[in-house]
PDB file of N, CA and C in Angstrom:
ATOM      1  N   MET A   1       9.217 116.637 109.550  1.00  0.00           N
ATOM      2  CA  MET A   1      10.091 115.721 110.230  1.00  0.00           C
ATOM      3  C   MET A   1      10.646 116.422 111.465  1.00  0.00           C
ATOM      4  N   ALA A   2      10.669 115.736 112.595  1.00  0.00           N
ATOM      5  CA  ALA A   2      11.123 116.321 113.850  1.00  0.00           C
ATOM      6  C   ALA A   2      12.590 115.960 114.087  1.00  0.00           C
ATOM      7  N   ALA A   3      13.288 116.924 114.649  1.00  0.00           N
ATOM      8  CA  ALA A   3      14.695 116.686 115.002  1.00  0.00           C
ATOM      9  C   ALA A   3      14.774 116.295 116.482  1.00  0.00           C
ATOM     10  N   VAL A   4      15.603 115.341 116.768  1.00  0.00           N
ATOM     11  CA  VAL A   4      15.749 114.869 118.138  1.00  0.00           C
ATOM     12  C   VAL A   4      17.140 115.245 118.633  1.00  0.00           C
ATOM     13  N   GLU A   5      17.185 115.889 119.782  1.00  0.00           N
ATOM     14  CA  GLU A   5      18.464 116.258 120.392  1.00  0.00           C
ATOM     15  C   GLU A   5      19.074 115.010 121.024  1.00  0.00           C
ATOM     16  N   THR A   6      20.264 114.641 120.589  1.00  0.00           N
ATOM     17  CA  THR A   6      20.879 113.409 121.106  1.00  0.00           C
ATOM     18  C   THR A   6      22.013 113.671 122.093  1.00  0.00           C
ATOM     19  N   THR A   7      22.396 114.912 122.238  1.00  0.00           N
ATOM     20  CA  THR A   7      23.467 115.217 123.192  1.00  0.00           C
ATOM     21  C   THR A   7      22.891 115.985 124.365  1.00  0.00           C
ATOM     22  N   ARG A   8      23.429 115.721 125.523  1.00  0.00           N
ATOM     23  CA  ARG A   8      22.995 116.429 126.715  1.00  0.00           C
ATOM     24  C   ARG A   8      24.211 117.037 127.397  1.00  0.00           C
ATOM     25  N   PRO A   9      24.052 118.155 128.059  1.00  0.00           N
ATOM     26  CA  PRO A   9      25.186 118.709 128.799  1.00  0.00           C
ATOM     27  C   PRO A   9      25.493 117.834 130.024  1.00  0.00           C
ATOM     28  N   ALA A  10      26.731 117.899 130.462  1.00  0.00           N
ATOM     29  CA  ALA A  10      27.131 117.135 131.651  1.00  0.00           C
ATOM     30  C   ALA A  10      26.398 117.691 132.868  1.00  0.00           C
ATOM     31  N   PRO A  11      26.120 116.842 133.832  1.00  0.00           N
ATOM     32  CA  PRO A  11      25.456 117.325 135.040  1.00  0.00           C
ATOM     33  C   PRO A  11      26.329 118.347 135.768  1.00  0.00           C
ATOM     34  N   PHE A  12      25.674 119.181 136.548  1.00  0.00           N
ATOM     35  CA  PHE A  12      26.380 120.237 137.272  1.00  0.00           C
ATOM     36  C   PHE A  12      27.479 119.639 138.154  1.00  0.00           C
ATOM     37  N   GLY A  13      28.686 120.115 137.986  1.00  0.00           N
ATOM     38  CA  GLY A  13      29.809 119.674 138.805  1.00  0.00           C
ATOM     39  C   GLY A  13      30.555 118.476 138.262  1.00  0.00           C
ATOM     40  N   ALA A  14      30.080 117.850 137.218  1.00  0.00           N
ATOM     41  CA  ALA A  14      30.734 116.642 136.704  1.00  0.00           C
ATOM     42  C   ALA A  14      32.116 116.953 136.149  1.00  0.00           C
ATOM     43  N   ILE A  15      32.241 118.050 135.434  1.00  0.00           N
ATOM     44  CA  ILE A  15      33.527 118.405 134.844  1.00  0.00           C
ATOM     45  C   ILE A  15      34.524 118.779 135.934  1.00  0.00           C
ATOM     46  N   THR A  16      34.067 119.517 136.927  1.00  0.00           N
ATOM     47  CA  THR A  16      34.941 119.879 138.040  1.00  0.00           C
ATOM     48  C   THR A  16      35.387 118.647 138.805  1.00  0.00           C
ATOM     49  N   THR A  17      34.483 117.724 139.024  1.00  0.00           N
ATOM     50  CA  THR A  17      34.833 116.482 139.713  1.00  0.00           C
ATOM     51  C   THR A  17      35.843 115.688 138.901  1.00  0.00           C
ATOM     52  N   TYR A  18      35.648 115.618 137.608  1.00  0.00           N
ATOM     53  CA  TYR A  18      36.581 114.898 136.733  1.00  0.00           C
ATOM     54  C   TYR A  18      37.973 115.529 136.791  1.00  0.00           C
ATOM     55  N   ARG A  19      38.036 116.841 136.689  1.00  0.00           N
ATOM     56  CA  ARG A  19      39.333 117.527 136.708  1.00  0.00           C
ATOM     57  C   ARG A  19      40.024 117.365 138.058  1.00  0.00           C
ATOM     58  N   THR A  20      39.263 117.391 139.133  1.00  0.00           N
ATOM     59  CA  THR A  20      39.833 117.206 140.472  1.00  0.00           C
ATOM     60  C   THR A  20      40.405 115.802 140.616  1.00  0.00           C
ATOM     61  N   MET A  21      39.644 114.813 140.200  1.00  0.00           N
ATOM     62  CA  MET A  21      40.124 113.432 140.294  1.00  0.00           C
ATOM     63  C   MET A  21      41.341 113.207 139.392  1.00  0.00           C
ATOM     64  N   ASN A  22      41.356 113.830 138.243  1.00  0.00           N
ATOM     65  CA  ASN A  22      42.492 113.730 137.338  1.00  0.00           C
ATOM     66  C   ASN A  22      43.735 114.347 137.976  1.00  0.00           C
ATOM     67  N   ALA A  23      43.581 115.485 138.634  1.00  0.00           N
ATOM     68  CA  ALA A  23      44.708 116.137 139.305  1.00  0.00           C
ATOM     69  C   ALA A  23      45.231 115.271 140.449  1.00  0.00           C
ATOM     70  N   VAL A  24      44.325 114.686 141.227  1.00  0.00           N
ATOM     71  CA  VAL A  24      44.736 113.819 142.333  1.00  0.00           C
ATOM     72  C   VAL A  24      45.481 112.601 141.795  1.00  0.00           C
ATOM     73  N   THR A  25      44.981 112.023 140.717  1.00  0.00           N
ATOM     74  CA  THR A  25      45.643 110.876 140.101  1.00  0.00           C
ATOM     75  C   THR A  25      47.037 111.251 139.612  1.00  0.00           C
ATOM     76  N   ASN A  26      47.183 112.424 139.024  1.00  0.00           N
ATOM     77  CA  ASN A  26      48.490 112.881 138.552  1.00  0.00           C
ATOM     78  C   ASN A  26      49.466 113.085 139.704  1.00  0.00           C
ATOM     79  N   VAL A  27      48.982 113.619 140.820  1.00  0.00           N
ATOM     80  CA  VAL A  27      49.839 113.828 141.983  1.00  0.00           C
ATOM     81  C   VAL A  27      50.326 112.481 142.519  1.00  0.00           C
ATOM     82  N   PHE A  28      49.422 111.516 142.659  1.00  0.00           N
ATOM     83  CA  PHE A  28      49.824 110.197 143.147  1.00  0.00           C
ATOM     84  C   PHE A  28      50.787 109.514 142.177  1.00  0.00           C
ATOM     85  N   GLY A  29      50.586 109.701 140.893  1.00  0.00           N
ATOM     86  CA  GLY A  29      51.502 109.140 139.902  1.00  0.00           C
ATOM     87  C   GLY A  29      52.889 109.753 140.008  1.00  0.00           C
ATOM     88  N   ALA A  30      52.945 111.060 140.204  1.00  0.00           N
ATOM     89  CA  ALA A  30      54.237 111.738 140.351  1.00  0.00           C
ATOM     90  C   ALA A  30      54.941 111.294 141.628  1.00  0.00           C
ATOM     91  N   LEU A  31      54.189 111.132 142.701  1.00  0.00           N
ATOM     92  CA  LEU A  31      54.785 110.659 143.951  1.00  0.00           C
ATOM     93  C   LEU A  31      55.314 109.233 143.818  1.00  0.00           C
ATOM     94  N   ALA A  32      54.588 108.392 143.122  1.00  0.00           N
ATOM     95  CA  ALA A  32      55.040 107.013 142.910  1.00  0.00           C
ATOM     96  C   ALA A  32      56.315 106.985 142.072  1.00  0.00           C
ATOM     97  N   ALA A  33      56.392 107.813 141.039  1.00  0.00           N
ATOM     98  CA  ALA A  33      57.586 107.868 140.199  1.00  0.00           C
ATOM     99  C   ALA A  33      58.783 108.387 140.998  1.00  0.00           C
ATOM    100  N   TRP A  34      58.552 109.407 141.822  1.00  0.00           N
ATOM    101  CA  TRP A  34      59.625 109.946 142.657  1.00  0.00           C
ATOM    102  C   TRP A  34      60.137 108.879 143.626  1.00  0.00           C
ATOM    103  N   ASN A  35      59.221 108.132 144.235  1.00  0.00           N
ATOM    104  CA  ASN A  35      59.618 107.103 145.186  1.00  0.00           C
ATOM    105  C   ASN A  35      60.373 105.973 144.488  1.00  0.00           C
ATOM    106  N   ASP A  36      59.945 105.577 143.310  1.00  0.00           N
ATOM    107  CA  ASP A  36      60.663 104.543 142.558  1.00  0.00           C
ATOM    108  C   ASP A  36      62.096 104.984 142.259  1.00  0.00           C
ATOM    109  N   ALA A  37      62.262 106.237 141.851  1.00  0.00           N
ATOM    110  CA  ALA A  37      63.595 106.757 141.564  1.00  0.00           C
ATOM    111  C   ALA A  37      64.438 106.805 142.838  1.00  0.00           C
ATOM    112  N   ARG A  38      63.840 107.174 143.946  1.00  0.00           N
ATOM    113  CA  ARG A  38      64.545 107.239 145.221  1.00  0.00           C
ATOM    114  C   ARG A  38      65.021 105.857 145.645  1.00  0.00           C
ATOM    115  N   VAL A  39      64.151 104.862 145.522  1.00  0.00           N
ATOM    116  CA  VAL A  39      64.510 103.492 145.891  1.00  0.00           C
ATOM    117  C   VAL A  39      65.624 102.967 144.980  1.00  0.00           C
ATOM    118  N   THR A  40      65.558 103.282 143.704  1.00  0.00           N
ATOM    119  CA  THR A  40      66.588 102.845 142.757  1.00  0.00           C
ATOM    120  C   THR A  40      67.931 103.462 143.106  1.00  0.00           C
ATOM    121  N   ARG A  41      67.940 104.777 143.371  1.00  0.00           N
ATOM    122  CA  ARG A  41      69.192 105.439 143.739  1.00  0.00           C
ATOM    123  C   ARG A  41      69.763 104.870 145.036  1.00  0.00           C
ATOM    124  N   LYS A  42      68.902 104.598 145.999  1.00  0.00           N
ATOM    125  CA  LYS A  42      69.342 104.043 147.280  1.00  0.00           C
ATOM    126  C   LYS A  42      69.984 102.668 147.082  1.00  0.00           C
ATOM    127  N   ALA A  43      69.362 101.829 146.254  1.00  0.00           N
ATOM    128  CA  ALA A  43      69.905 100.495 145.997  1.00  0.00           C
ATOM    129  C   ALA A  43      71.239 100.583 145.260  1.00  0.00           C
ATOM    130  N   LEU A  44      71.347 101.487 144.296  1.00  0.00           N
ATOM    131  CA  LEU A  44      72.596 101.632 143.557  1.00  0.00           C
ATOM    132  C   LEU A  44      73.713 102.178 144.443  1.00  0.00           C
ATOM    133  N   ASN A  45      73.380 103.043 145.379  1.00  0.00           N
ATOM    134  CA  ASN A  45      74.394 103.582 146.288  1.00  0.00           C
ATOM    135  C   ASN A  45      74.954 102.512 147.219  1.00  0.00           C
ATOM    136  N   LYS A  46      74.209 101.450 147.456  1.00  0.00           N
ATOM    137  CA  LYS A  46      74.686 100.370 148.313  1.00  0.00           C
ATOM    138  C   LYS A  46      75.691  99.462 147.607  1.00  0.00           C
ATOM    139  N   LEU A  47      75.732  99.518 146.274  1.00  0.00           N
ATOM    140  CA  LEU A  47      76.643  98.667 145.519  1.00  0.00           C
ATOM    141  C   LEU A  47      78.075  99.179 145.627  1.00  0.00           C
ATOM    142  N   SER A  48      79.015  98.257 145.522  1.00  0.00           N
ATOM    143  CA  SER A  48      80.430  98.644 145.523  1.00  0.00           C
ATOM    144  C   SER A  48      80.791  99.213 144.148  1.00  0.00           C
ATOM    145  N   ASP A  49      81.968  99.850 144.087  1.00  0.00           N
ATOM    146  CA  ASP A  49      82.427 100.393 142.804  1.00  0.00           C
ATOM    147  C   ASP A  49      82.624  99.280 141.775  1.00  0.00           C
ATOM    148  N   ARG A  50      83.063  98.135 142.241  1.00  0.00           N
ATOM    149  CA  ARG A  50      83.266  96.988 141.345  1.00  0.00           C
ATOM    150  C   ARG A  50      81.930  96.524 140.756  1.00  0.00           C
ATOM    151  N   GLU A  51      80.898  96.436 141.612  1.00  0.00           N
ATOM    152  CA  GLU A  51      79.577  96.004 141.140  1.00  0.00           C
ATOM    153  C   GLU A  51      78.971  97.017 140.179  1.00  0.00           C
ATOM    154  N   LEU A  52      79.179  98.293 140.473  1.00  0.00           N
ATOM    155  CA  LEU A  52      78.687  99.329 139.558  1.00  0.00           C
ATOM    156  C   LEU A  52      79.395  99.230 138.204  1.00  0.00           C
ATOM    157  N   ASP A  53      80.702  98.969 138.248  1.00  0.00           N
ATOM    158  CA  ASP A  53      81.463  98.828 137.010  1.00  0.00           C
ATOM    159  C   ASP A  53      80.967  97.635 136.202  1.00  0.00           C
ATOM    160  N   ASP A  54      80.561  96.575 136.878  1.00  0.00           N
ATOM    161  CA  ASP A  54      80.039  95.395 136.185  1.00  0.00           C
ATOM    162  C   ASP A  54      78.773  95.694 135.386  1.00  0.00           C
ATOM    163  N   ILE A  55      77.959  96.625 135.885  1.00  0.00           N
ATOM    164  CA  ILE A  55      76.732  96.971 135.150  1.00  0.00           C
ATOM    165  C   ILE A  55      76.901  98.223 134.284  1.00  0.00           C
ATOM    166  N   GLY A  56      78.141  98.716 134.215  1.00  0.00           N
ATOM    167  CA  GLY A  56      78.440  99.820 133.305  1.00  0.00           C
ATOM    168  C   GLY A  56      78.131 101.193 133.861  1.00  0.00           C
ATOM    169  N   LEU A  57      78.178 101.337 135.174  1.00  0.00           N
ATOM    170  CA  LEU A  57      77.905 102.628 135.801  1.00  0.00           C
ATOM    171  C   LEU A  57      79.069 103.054 136.679  1.00  0.00           C
ATOM    172  N   CYS A  58      79.114 104.339 136.981  1.00  0.00           N
ATOM    173  CA  CYS A  58      80.043 104.849 137.987  1.00  0.00           C
ATOM    174  C   CYS A  58      79.220 105.634 139.005  1.00  0.00           C
ATOM    175  N   ARG A  59      79.845 106.025 140.098  1.00  0.00           N
ATOM    176  CA  ARG A  59      79.112 106.722 141.160  1.00  0.00           C
ATOM    177  C   ARG A  59      78.436 107.996 140.651  1.00  0.00           C
ATOM    178  N   GLY A  60      79.048 108.673 139.723  1.00  0.00           N
ATOM    179  CA  GLY A  60      78.488 109.910 139.191  1.00  0.00           C
ATOM    180  C   GLY A  60      77.215 109.708 138.382  1.00  0.00           C
ATOM    181  N   ASP A  61      77.022 108.513 137.873  1.00  0.00           N
ATOM    182  CA  ASP A  61      75.846 108.225 137.056  1.00  0.00           C
ATOM    183  C   ASP A  61      74.594 107.976 137.888  1.00  0.00           C
ATOM    184  N   ILE A  62      74.769 107.636 139.156  1.00  0.00           N
ATOM    185  CA  ILE A  62      73.625 107.232 139.980  1.00  0.00           C
ATOM    186  C   ILE A  62      72.578 108.340 140.092  1.00  0.00           C
ATOM    187  N   GLU A  63      73.030 109.554 140.259  1.00  0.00           N
ATOM    188  CA  GLU A  63      72.092 110.663 140.446  1.00  0.00           C
ATOM    189  C   GLU A  63      71.238 110.903 139.197  1.00  0.00           C
ATOM    190  N   PHE A  64      71.778 110.574 138.035  1.00  0.00           N
ATOM    191  CA  PHE A  64      71.045 110.799 136.778  1.00  0.00           C
ATOM    192  C   PHE A  64      70.126 109.641 136.413  1.00  0.00           C
ATOM    193  N   ILE A  65      70.337 108.489 137.040  1.00  0.00           N
ATOM    194  CA  ILE A  65      69.526 107.308 136.725  1.00  0.00           C
ATOM    195  C   ILE A  65      68.061 107.527 137.080  1.00  0.00           C
ATOM    196  N   GLY A  66      67.809 108.096 138.225  1.00  0.00           N
ATOM    197  CA  GLY A  66      66.436 108.247 138.691  1.00  0.00           C
ATOM    198  C   GLY A  66      65.677 109.400 138.067  1.00  0.00           C
ATOM    199  N   ARG A  67      66.322 110.190 137.264  1.00  0.00           N
ATOM    200  CA  ARG A  67      65.643 111.358 136.714  1.00  0.00           C
ATOM    201  C   ARG A  67      65.122 111.124 135.328  1.00  0.00           C
TER     202      ARG A  67
END
C-alpha cells in the first residue's frame, strides 16, 4: 500500500508576506482606535459641566474615557 503526502509546505515568502500584512493591519487598527478615542475626548471636552454631569461624568473623567 502506498502512502500519499497530503500536506505541502507554504510557498517561499508566503509566511513572511502573511506576517507583514498582519503587522500592517494591526498598525492601522491601533491608529483607528487612537483616533476614535481622540474624537471622543474632543467631543466630551466641548460639553459644559452641566451636560457632563447629566451623563455622569466630570472633567477629570474625560482623559480616562478614551483609554
